[in-house]
PDB file of N, CA and C in Angstrom:
ATOM      1  N   MET A   1       0.847  -1.171   0.000  1.00  0.00           N
ATOM      2  CA  MET A   1       0.000   0.000   0.000  1.00  0.00           C
ATOM      3  C   MET A   1       0.895   1.238   0.000  1.00  0.00           C
ATOM      4  N   GLY A   2       0.630   2.244  -0.818  1.00  0.00           N
ATOM      5  CA  GLY A   2       1.446   3.441  -0.963  1.00  0.00           C
ATOM      6  C   GLY A   2       1.356   4.346   0.252  1.00  0.00           C
ATOM      7  N   ALA A   3       2.297   5.269   0.331  1.00  0.00           N
ATOM      8  CA  ALA A   3       2.312   6.219   1.428  1.00  0.00           C
ATOM      9  C   ALA A   3       1.129   7.176   1.306  1.00  0.00           C
ATOM     10  N   ARG A   4       0.580   7.533   2.449  1.00  0.00           N
ATOM     11  CA  ARG A   4      -0.564   8.428   2.488  1.00  0.00           C
ATOM     12  C   ARG A   4      -0.107   9.848   2.208  1.00  0.00           C
ATOM     13  N   SER A   5      -0.837  10.559   1.371  1.00  0.00           N
ATOM     14  CA  SER A   5      -0.516  11.929   1.008  1.00  0.00           C
ATOM     15  C   SER A   5      -1.125  12.886   2.038  1.00  0.00           C
ATOM     16  N   THR A   6      -0.314  13.850   2.497  1.00  0.00           N
ATOM     17  CA  THR A   6      -0.811  14.845   3.430  1.00  0.00           C
ATOM     18  C   THR A   6      -0.520  16.234   2.879  1.00  0.00           C
ATOM     19  N   THR A   7      -1.301  17.210   3.308  1.00  0.00           N
ATOM     20  CA  THR A   7      -1.112  18.590   2.886  1.00  0.00           C
ATOM     21  C   THR A   7      -0.642  19.407   4.076  1.00  0.00           C
ATOM     22  N   THR A   8       0.404  20.210   3.849  1.00  0.00           N
ATOM     23  CA  THR A   8       0.979  21.041   4.902  1.00  0.00           C
ATOM     24  C   THR A   8       0.952  22.490   4.458  1.00  0.00           C
ATOM     25  N   ALA A   9       0.495  23.369   5.336  1.00  0.00           N
ATOM     26  CA  ALA A   9       0.508  24.807   5.048  1.00  0.00           C
ATOM     27  C   ALA A   9       1.886  25.351   5.405  1.00  0.00           C
ATOM     28  N   VAL A  10       2.501  26.053   4.463  1.00  0.00           N
ATOM     29  CA  VAL A  10       3.791  26.689   4.711  1.00  0.00           C
ATOM     30  C   VAL A  10       3.690  28.149   4.284  1.00  0.00           C
ATOM     31  N   GLU A  11       4.485  29.005   4.926  1.00  0.00           N
ATOM     32  CA  GLU A  11       4.484  30.413   4.556  1.00  0.00           C
ATOM     33  C   GLU A  11       5.839  30.775   3.990  1.00  0.00           C
ATOM     34  N   ILE A  12       5.803  31.370   2.814  1.00  0.00           N
ATOM     35  CA  ILE A  12       7.023  31.814   2.140  1.00  0.00           C
ATOM     36  C   ILE A  12       6.806  33.254   1.695  1.00  0.00           C
ATOM     37  N   PHE A  13       7.638  34.131   2.197  1.00  0.00           N
ATOM     38  CA  PHE A  13       7.632  35.547   1.819  1.00  0.00           C
ATOM     39  C   PHE A  13       6.241  36.160   1.948  1.00  0.00           C
ATOM     40  N   GLY A  14       5.565  35.821   3.050  1.00  0.00           N
ATOM     41  CA  GLY A  14       4.265  36.415   3.346  1.00  0.00           C
ATOM     42  C   GLY A  14       3.064  35.756   2.711  1.00  0.00           C
ATOM     43  N   SER A  15       3.281  34.729   1.914  1.00  0.00           N
ATOM     44  CA  SER A  15       2.159  34.018   1.290  1.00  0.00           C
ATOM     45  C   SER A  15       2.102  32.592   1.819  1.00  0.00           C
ATOM     46  N   VAL A  16       0.900  32.094   1.992  1.00  0.00           N
ATOM     47  CA  VAL A  16       0.708  30.729   2.472  1.00  0.00           C
ATOM     48  C   VAL A  16       0.491  29.810   1.276  1.00  0.00           C
ATOM     49  N   TYR A  17       1.206  28.696   1.290  1.00  0.00           N
ATOM     50  CA  TYR A  17       1.084  27.680   0.241  1.00  0.00           C
ATOM     51  C   TYR A  17       0.720  26.362   0.902  1.00  0.00           C
ATOM     52  N   TYR A  18      -0.103  25.601   0.231  1.00  0.00           N
ATOM     53  CA  TYR A  18      -0.490  24.285   0.722  1.00  0.00           C
ATOM     54  C   TYR A  18       0.254  23.264  -0.132  1.00  0.00           C
ATOM     55  N   VAL A  19       1.172  22.578   0.508  1.00  0.00           N
ATOM     56  CA  VAL A  19       2.072  21.675  -0.201  1.00  0.00           C
ATOM     57  C   VAL A  19       1.730  20.245   0.180  1.00  0.00           C
ATOM     58  N   ARG A  20       1.595  19.401  -0.830  1.00  0.00           N
ATOM     59  CA  ARG A  20       1.267  18.008  -0.595  1.00  0.00           C
ATOM     60  C   ARG A  20       2.544  17.179  -0.557  1.00  0.00           C
ATOM     61  N   GLY A  21       2.615  16.283   0.396  1.00  0.00           N
ATOM     62  CA  GLY A  21       3.756  15.382   0.516  1.00  0.00           C
ATOM     63  C   GLY A  21       3.284  14.030   0.992  1.00  0.00           C
ATOM     64  N   SER A  22       4.189  13.068   0.970  1.00  0.00           N
ATOM     65  CA  SER A  22       3.817  11.726   1.402  1.00  0.00           C
ATOM     66  C   SER A  22       4.166  11.533   2.875  1.00  0.00           C
ATOM     67  N   GLY A  23       3.333  10.785   3.565  1.00  0.00           N
ATOM     68  CA  GLY A  23       3.607  10.444   4.958  1.00  0.00           C
ATOM     69  C   GLY A  23       3.626  11.648   5.874  1.00  0.00           C
ATOM     70  N   ASN A  24       4.611  11.657   6.757  1.00  0.00           N
ATOM     71  CA  ASN A  24       4.726  12.723   7.754  1.00  0.00           C
ATOM     72  C   ASN A  24       5.794  13.720   7.362  1.00  0.00           C
ATOM     73  N   ASP A  25       5.699  14.256   6.154  1.00  0.00           N
ATOM     74  CA  ASP A  25       6.688  15.198   5.649  1.00  0.00           C
ATOM     75  C   ASP A  25       6.470  16.624   6.140  1.00  0.00           C
ATOM     76  N   GLY A  26       5.464  16.867   6.965  1.00  0.00           N
ATOM     77  CA  GLY A  26       5.110  18.217   7.381  1.00  0.00           C
ATOM     78  C   GLY A  26       6.285  18.997   7.947  1.00  0.00           C
ATOM     79  N   ASP A  27       7.022  18.412   8.875  1.00  0.00           N
ATOM     80  CA  ASP A  27       8.163  19.113   9.468  1.00  0.00           C
ATOM     81  C   ASP A  27       9.236  19.391   8.430  1.00  0.00           C
ATOM     82  N   SER A  28       9.482  18.424   7.586  1.00  0.00           N
ATOM     83  CA  SER A  28      10.486  18.585   6.535  1.00  0.00           C
ATOM     84  C   SER A  28      10.072  19.680   5.551  1.00  0.00           C
ATOM     85  N   LEU A  29       8.810  19.679   5.170  1.00  0.00           N
ATOM     86  CA  LEU A  29       8.310  20.704   4.247  1.00  0.00           C
ATOM     87  C   LEU A  29       8.390  22.092   4.867  1.00  0.00           C
ATOM     88  N   ARG A  30       8.067  22.199   6.161  1.00  0.00           N
ATOM     89  CA  ARG A  30       8.165  23.491   6.843  1.00  0.00           C
ATOM     90  C   ARG A  30       9.617  23.952   6.923  1.00  0.00           C
ATOM     91  N   GLN A  31      10.525  23.019   7.142  1.00  0.00           N
ATOM     92  CA  GLN A  31      11.950  23.364   7.188  1.00  0.00           C
ATOM     93  C   GLN A  31      12.424  23.862   5.813  1.00  0.00           C
ATOM     94  N   LEU A  32      12.050  23.159   4.754  1.00  0.00           N
ATOM     95  CA  LEU A  32      12.414  23.587   3.403  1.00  0.00           C
ATOM     96  C   LEU A  32      11.808  24.950   3.068  1.00  0.00           C
ATOM     97  N   ALA A  33      10.551  25.143   3.444  1.00  0.00           N
ATOM     98  CA  ALA A  33       9.900  26.436   3.202  1.00  0.00           C
ATOM     99  C   ALA A  33      10.632  27.543   3.959  1.00  0.00           C
ATOM    100  N   GLY A  34      11.122  27.240   5.153  1.00  0.00           N
ATOM    101  CA  GLY A  34      11.882  28.218   5.921  1.00  0.00           C
ATOM    102  C   GLY A  34      13.172  28.608   5.223  1.00  0.00           C
ATOM    103  N   ILE A  35      13.815  27.637   4.598  1.00  0.00           N
ATOM    104  CA  ILE A  35      15.036  27.919   3.842  1.00  0.00           C
ATOM    105  C   ILE A  35      14.716  28.823   2.650  1.00  0.00           C
ATOM    106  N   VAL A  36      13.667  28.484   1.912  1.00  0.00           N
ATOM    107  CA  VAL A  36      13.276  29.286   0.748  1.00  0.00           C
ATOM    108  C   VAL A  36      12.870  30.691   1.195  1.00  0.00           C
ATOM    109  N   ASP A  37      12.101  30.785   2.271  1.00  0.00           N
ATOM    110  CA  ASP A  37      11.673  32.085   2.777  1.00  0.00           C
ATOM    111  C   ASP A  37      12.888  32.930   3.172  1.00  0.00           C
ATOM    112  N   GLY A  38      13.820  32.327   3.882  1.00  0.00           N
ATOM    113  CA  GLY A  38      15.018  33.060   4.297  1.00  0.00           C
ATOM    114  C   GLY A  38      15.844  33.540   3.117  1.00  0.00           C
ATOM    115  N   LYS A  39      16.014  32.663   2.125  1.00  0.00           N
ATOM    116  CA  LYS A  39      16.794  33.034   0.935  1.00  0.00           C
ATOM    117  C   LYS A  39      16.063  34.116   0.149  1.00  0.00           C
ATOM    118  N   MET A  40      14.745  34.020   0.068  1.00  0.00           N
ATOM    119  CA  MET A  40      13.982  35.022  -0.679  1.00  0.00           C
ATOM    120  C   MET A  40      14.095  36.384   0.007  1.00  0.00           C
ATOM    121  N   ARG A  41      14.052  36.409   1.311  1.00  0.00           N
ATOM    122  CA  ARG A  41      14.197  37.668   2.050  1.00  0.00           C
ATOM    123  C   ARG A  41      15.617  38.225   1.893  1.00  0.00           C
ATOM    124  N   GLU A  42      16.593  37.340   1.874  1.00  0.00           N
ATOM    125  CA  GLU A  42      17.982  37.762   1.658  1.00  0.00           C
ATOM    126  C   GLU A  42      18.152  38.398   0.281  1.00  0.00           C
ATOM    127  N   VAL A  43      17.581  37.767  -0.737  1.00  0.00           N
ATOM    128  CA  VAL A  43      17.656  38.303  -2.099  1.00  0.00           C
ATOM    129  C   VAL A  43      16.911  39.634  -2.178  1.00  0.00           C
ATOM    130  N   ALA A  44      15.755  39.718  -1.535  1.00  0.00           N
ATOM    131  CA  ALA A  44      14.942  40.941  -1.575  1.00  0.00           C
ATOM    132  C   ALA A  44      15.703  42.135  -1.010  1.00  0.00           C
ATOM    133  N   GLU A  45      16.577  41.892  -0.034  1.00  0.00           N
ATOM    134  CA  GLU A  45      17.370  42.976   0.547  1.00  0.00           C
ATOM    135  C   GLU A  45      18.440  43.489  -0.424  1.00  0.00           C
ATOM    136  N   GLN A  46      18.796  42.667  -1.405  1.00  0.00           N
ATOM    137  CA  GLN A  46      19.898  43.002  -2.308  1.00  0.00           C
ATOM    138  C   GLN A  46      19.451  43.563  -3.651  1.00  0.00           C
ATOM    139  N   VAL A  47      18.164  43.511  -3.941  1.00  0.00           N
ATOM    140  CA  VAL A  47      17.670  43.996  -5.236  1.00  0.00           C
ATOM    141  C   VAL A  47      16.606  45.062  -5.018  1.00  0.00           C
ATOM    142  N   SER A  48      16.324  45.806  -6.076  1.00  0.00           N
ATOM    143  CA  SER A  48      15.357  46.901  -5.941  1.00  0.00           C
ATOM    144  C   SER A  48      13.941  46.509  -6.368  1.00  0.00           C
ATOM    145  N   THR A  49      13.765  45.331  -6.951  1.00  0.00           N
ATOM    146  CA  THR A  49      12.443  44.942  -7.447  1.00  0.00           C
ATOM    147  C   THR A  49      11.515  44.526  -6.299  1.00  0.00           C
ATOM    148  N   VAL A  50      10.237  44.788  -6.478  1.00  0.00           N
ATOM    149  CA  VAL A  50       9.227  44.322  -5.532  1.00  0.00           C
ATOM    150  C   VAL A  50       8.361  43.241  -6.183  1.00  0.00           C
ATOM    151  N   ASP A  51       8.707  42.875  -7.402  1.00  0.00           N
ATOM    152  CA  ASP A  51       7.990  41.839  -8.143  1.00  0.00           C
ATOM    153  C   ASP A  51       8.356  40.483  -7.543  1.00  0.00           C
ATOM    154  N   THR A  52       7.381  39.856  -6.874  1.00  0.00           N
ATOM    155  CA  THR A  52       7.676  38.596  -6.183  1.00  0.00           C
ATOM    156  C   THR A  52       8.043  37.475  -7.160  1.00  0.00           C
ATOM    157  N   ALA A  53       7.522  37.512  -8.373  1.00  0.00           N
ATOM    158  CA  ALA A  53       7.895  36.485  -9.358  1.00  0.00           C
ATOM    159  C   ALA A  53       9.378  36.603  -9.697  1.00  0.00           C
ATOM    160  N   LYS A  54       9.856  37.836  -9.887  1.00  0.00           N
ATOM    161  CA  LYS A  54      11.279  38.034 -10.171  1.00  0.00           C
ATOM    162  C   LYS A  54      12.130  37.626  -8.970  1.00  0.00           C
ATOM    163  N   LEU A  55      11.659  37.982  -7.771  1.00  0.00           N
ATOM    164  CA  LEU A  55      12.380  37.572  -6.561  1.00  0.00           C
ATOM    165  C   LEU A  55      12.449  36.052  -6.454  1.00  0.00           C
ATOM    166  N   ALA A  56      11.358  35.394  -6.806  1.00  0.00           N
ATOM    167  CA  ALA A  56      11.324  33.929  -6.745  1.00  0.00           C
ATOM    168  C   ALA A  56      12.323  33.322  -7.725  1.00  0.00           C
ATOM    169  N   VAL A  57      12.412  33.891  -8.931  1.00  0.00           N
ATOM    170  CA  VAL A  57      13.364  33.381  -9.926  1.00  0.00           C
ATOM    171  C   VAL A  57      14.792  33.621  -9.451  1.00  0.00           C
ATOM    172  N   LEU A  58      15.074  34.820  -8.941  1.00  0.00           N
ATOM    173  CA  LEU A  58      16.422  35.107  -8.433  1.00  0.00           C
ATOM    174  C   LEU A  58      16.763  34.194  -7.257  1.00  0.00           C
ATOM    175  N   THR A  59      15.786  33.932  -6.408  1.00  0.00           N
ATOM    176  CA  THR A  59      15.994  33.020  -5.282  1.00  0.00           C
ATOM    177  C   THR A  59      16.280  31.609  -5.785  1.00  0.00           C
ATOM    178  N   ALA A  60      15.523  31.169  -6.779  1.00  0.00           N
ATOM    179  CA  ALA A  60      15.753  29.843  -7.354  1.00  0.00           C
ATOM    180  C   ALA A  60      17.159  29.738  -7.946  1.00  0.00           C
ATOM    181  N   LEU A  61      17.601  30.794  -8.618  1.00  0.00           N
ATOM    182  CA  LEU A  61      18.956  30.796  -9.180  1.00  0.00           C
ATOM    183  C   LEU A  61      20.006  30.744  -8.082  1.00  0.00           C
ATOM    184  N   ASN A  62      19.798  31.475  -7.006  1.00  0.00           N
ATOM    185  CA  ASN A  62      20.723  31.444  -5.880  1.00  0.00           C
ATOM    186  C   ASN A  62      20.787  30.054  -5.256  1.00  0.00           C
ATOM    187  N   LEU A  63      19.638  29.449  -5.041  1.00  0.00           N
ATOM    188  CA  LEU A  63      19.602  28.103  -4.454  1.00  0.00           C
ATOM    189  C   LEU A  63      20.213  27.071  -5.398  1.00  0.00           C
ATOM    190  N   ALA A  64      19.974  27.218  -6.709  1.00  0.00           N
ATOM    191  CA  ALA A  64      20.574  26.307  -7.690  1.00  0.00           C
ATOM    192  C   ALA A  64      22.094  26.442  -7.682  1.00  0.00           C
ATOM    193  N   ASP A  65      22.581  27.673  -7.549  1.00  0.00           N
ATOM    194  CA  ASP A  65      24.027  27.894  -7.473  1.00  0.00           C
ATOM    195  C   ASP A  65      24.614  27.224  -6.235  1.00  0.00           C
ATOM    196  N   GLU A  66      23.945  27.376  -5.092  1.00  0.00           N
ATOM    197  CA  GLU A  66      24.418  26.721  -3.869  1.00  0.00           C
ATOM    198  C   GLU A  66      24.430  25.209  -4.031  1.00  0.00           C
ATOM    199  N   LEU A  67      23.378  24.664  -4.608  1.00  0.00           N
ATOM    200  CA  LEU A  67      23.299  23.220  -4.833  1.00  0.00           C
ATOM    201  C   LEU A  67      24.421  22.758  -5.748  1.00  0.00           C
ATOM    202  N   ASN A  68      24.652  23.498  -6.825  1.00  0.00           N
ATOM    203  CA  ASN A  68      25.691  23.148  -7.781  1.00  0.00           C
ATOM    204  C   ASN A  68      27.065  23.134  -7.116  1.00  0.00           C
ATOM    205  N   ARG A  69      27.351  24.169  -6.301  1.00  0.00           N
ATOM    206  CA  ARG A  69      28.647  24.222  -5.607  1.00  0.00           C
ATOM    207  C   ARG A  69      28.793  23.060  -4.627  1.00  0.00           C
ATOM    208  N   CYS A  70      27.714  22.722  -3.925  1.00  0.00           N
ATOM    209  CA  CYS A  70      27.752  21.592  -2.986  1.00  0.00           C
ATOM    210  C   CYS A  70      27.993  20.275  -3.712  1.00  0.00           C
ATOM    211  N   GLN A  71      27.340  20.106  -4.858  1.00  0.00           N
ATOM    212  CA  GLN A  71      27.512  18.876  -5.637  1.00  0.00           C
ATOM    213  C   GLN A  71      28.943  18.745  -6.145  1.00  0.00           C
ATOM    214  N   LYS A  72      29.527  19.851  -6.614  1.00  0.00           N
ATOM    215  CA  LYS A  72      30.910  19.816  -7.089  1.00  0.00           C
ATOM    216  C   LYS A  72      31.865  19.495  -5.943  1.00  0.00           C
ATOM    217  N   LEU A  73      31.631  20.096  -4.789  1.00  0.00           N
ATOM    218  CA  LEU A  73      32.459  19.822  -3.617  1.00  0.00           C
ATOM    219  C   LEU A  73      32.345  18.357  -3.217  1.00  0.00           C
ATOM    220  N   GLN A  74      31.131  17.849  -3.215  1.00  0.00           N
ATOM    221  CA  GLN A  74      30.888  16.460  -2.852  1.00  0.00           C
ATOM    222  C   GLN A  74      31.570  15.507  -3.835  1.00  0.00           C
ATOM    223  N   GLU A  75      31.505  15.828  -5.124  1.00  0.00           N
ATOM    224  CA  GLU A  75      32.154  14.981  -6.133  1.00  0.00           C
ATOM    225  C   GLU A  75      33.664  14.990  -5.928  1.00  0.00           C
ATOM    226  N   GLY A  76      34.225  16.164  -5.614  1.00  0.00           N
ATOM    227  CA  GLY A  76      35.653  16.249  -5.341  1.00  0.00           C
ATOM    228  C   GLY A  76      36.038  15.402  -4.140  1.00  0.00           C
ATOM    229  N   GLU A  77      35.210  15.419  -3.107  1.00  0.00           N
ATOM    230  CA  GLU A  77      35.471  14.607  -1.920  1.00  0.00           C
ATOM    231  C   GLU A  77      35.379  13.128  -2.250  1.00  0.00           C
ATOM    232  N   ARG A  78      34.410  12.744  -3.095  1.00  0.00           N
ATOM    233  CA  ARG A  78      34.302  11.333  -3.510  1.00  0.00           C
ATOM    234  C   ARG A  78      35.550  10.908  -4.262  1.00  0.00           C
ATOM    235  N   ASP A  79      36.048  11.784  -5.143  1.00  0.00           N
ATOM    236  CA  ASP A  79      37.275  11.469  -5.879  1.00  0.00           C
ATOM    237  C   ASP A  79      38.442  11.262  -4.926  1.00  0.00           C
ATOM    238  N   GLU A  80      38.540  12.117  -3.905  1.00  0.00           N
ATOM    239  CA  GLU A  80      39.613  11.982  -2.918  1.00  0.00           C
ATOM    240  C   GLU A  80      39.501  10.663  -2.166  1.00  0.00           C
ATOM    241  N   VAL A  81      38.280  10.279  -1.802  1.00  0.00           N
ATOM    242  CA  VAL A  81      38.063   9.020  -1.090  1.00  0.00           C
ATOM    243  C   VAL A  81      38.454   7.840  -1.983  1.00  0.00           C
ATOM    244  N   ARG A  82      38.040   7.886  -3.250  1.00  0.00           N
ATOM    245  CA  ARG A  82      38.402   6.802  -4.179  1.00  0.00           C
ATOM    246  C   ARG A  82      39.919   6.663  -4.299  1.00  0.00           C
ATOM    247  N   GLU A  83      40.599   7.798  -4.425  1.00  0.00           N
ATOM    248  CA  GLU A  83      42.059   7.780  -4.551  1.00  0.00           C
ATOM    249  C   GLU A  83      42.691   7.224  -3.286  1.00  0.00           C
ATOM    250  N   LYS A  84      42.203   7.602  -2.135  1.00  0.00           N
ATOM    251  CA  LYS A  84      42.744   7.087  -0.870  1.00  0.00           C
ATOM    252  C   LYS A  84      42.520   5.587  -0.765  1.00  0.00           C
ATOM    253  N   VAL A  85      41.341   5.116  -1.179  1.00  0.00           N
ATOM    254  CA  VAL A  85      41.051   3.674  -1.163  1.00  0.00           C
ATOM    255  C   VAL A  85      42.019   2.943  -2.093  1.00  0.00           C
ATOM    256  N   ARG A  86      42.288   3.517  -3.274  1.00  0.00           N
ATOM    257  CA  ARG A  86      43.251   2.889  -4.196  1.00  0.00           C
ATOM    258  C   ARG A  86      44.638   2.797  -3.561  1.00  0.00           C
ATOM    259  N   GLN A  87      45.066   3.883  -2.923  1.00  0.00           N
ATOM    260  CA  GLN A  87      46.374   3.887  -2.275  1.00  0.00           C
ATOM    261  C   GLN A  87      46.448   2.838  -1.170  1.00  0.00           C
ATOM    262  N   LEU A  88      45.428   2.785  -0.341  1.00  0.00           N
ATOM    263  CA  LEU A  88      45.421   1.829   0.760  1.00  0.00           C
ATOM    264  C   LEU A  88      45.353   0.396   0.247  1.00  0.00           C
ATOM    265  N   THR A  89      44.603   0.184  -0.826  1.00  0.00           N
ATOM    266  CA  THR A  89      44.515  -1.150  -1.417  1.00  0.00           C
ATOM    267  C   THR A  89      45.875  -1.585  -1.948  1.00  0.00           C
ATOM    268  N   THR A  90      46.575  -0.681  -2.611  1.00  0.00           N
ATOM    269  CA  THR A  90      47.914  -0.981  -3.129  1.00  0.00           C
ATOM    270  C   THR A  90      48.861  -1.310  -1.982  1.00  0.00           C
ATOM    271  N   GLU A  91      48.826  -0.505  -0.937  1.00  0.00           N
ATOM    272  CA  GLU A  91      49.696  -0.756   0.218  1.00  0.00           C
ATOM    273  C   GLU A  91      49.374  -2.094   0.858  1.00  0.00           C
ATOM    274  N   LEU A  92      48.088  -2.385   1.005  1.00  0.00           N
ATOM    275  CA  LEU A  92      47.671  -3.651   1.612  1.00  0.00           C
ATOM    276  C   LEU A  92      48.121  -4.828   0.761  1.00  0.00           C
ATOM    277  N   GLU A  93      47.976  -4.736  -0.547  1.00  0.00           N
ATOM    278  CA  GLU A  93      48.425  -5.820  -1.441  1.00  0.00           C
ATOM    279  C   GLU A  93      49.916  -6.036  -1.319  1.00  0.00           C
ATOM    280  N   GLN A  94      50.689  -4.937  -1.210  1.00  0.00           N
ATOM    281  CA  GLN A  94      52.138  -5.054  -1.063  1.00  0.00           C
ATOM    282  C   GLN A  94      52.502  -5.745   0.248  1.00  0.00           C
ATOM    283  N   VAL A  95      51.833  -5.386   1.316  1.00  0.00           N
ATOM    284  CA  VAL A  95      52.117  -5.993   2.612  1.00  0.00           C
ATOM    285  C   VAL A  95      51.746  -7.477   2.609  1.00  0.00           C
ATOM    286  N   LEU A  96      50.638  -7.810   1.978  1.00  0.00           N
ATOM    287  CA  LEU A  96      50.199  -9.204   1.939  1.00  0.00           C
ATOM    288  C   LEU A  96      51.100 -10.076   1.077  1.00  0.00           C
ATOM    289  N   GLN A  97      51.794  -9.483   0.113  1.00  0.00           N
ATOM    290  CA  GLN A  97      52.679 -10.247  -0.770  1.00  0.00           C
ATOM    291  C   GLN A  97      54.025 -10.518  -0.100  1.00  0.00           C
ATOM    292  N   GLU A  98      54.338  -9.808   0.978  1.00  0.00           N
ATOM    293  CA  GLU A  98      55.640  -9.986   1.647  1.00  0.00           C
ATOM    294  C   GLU A  98      55.703 -11.276   2.417  1.00  0.00           C
TER     295      GLU A  98
END
């Protein structure tokens, strides 16, 4: 049986949105909405527009940039881990051959 869908009210930049999620996602959805609201308010302080659609697009671009930087950092860390595993594997093989 599939997860039950629930609706959670969240407030972003002064507007209330009803967001549907599965199971008990209410707290998670409120946390995500808080992040979007905070970023939107941060962007609003830096630009002169009062057009909420433009603010939303600029906020989305800012969040996409943060996500992109995090993904690149994470990929770099994965590469470092892979290289370390290769080094340790080589060392272990050398020790086992002695």
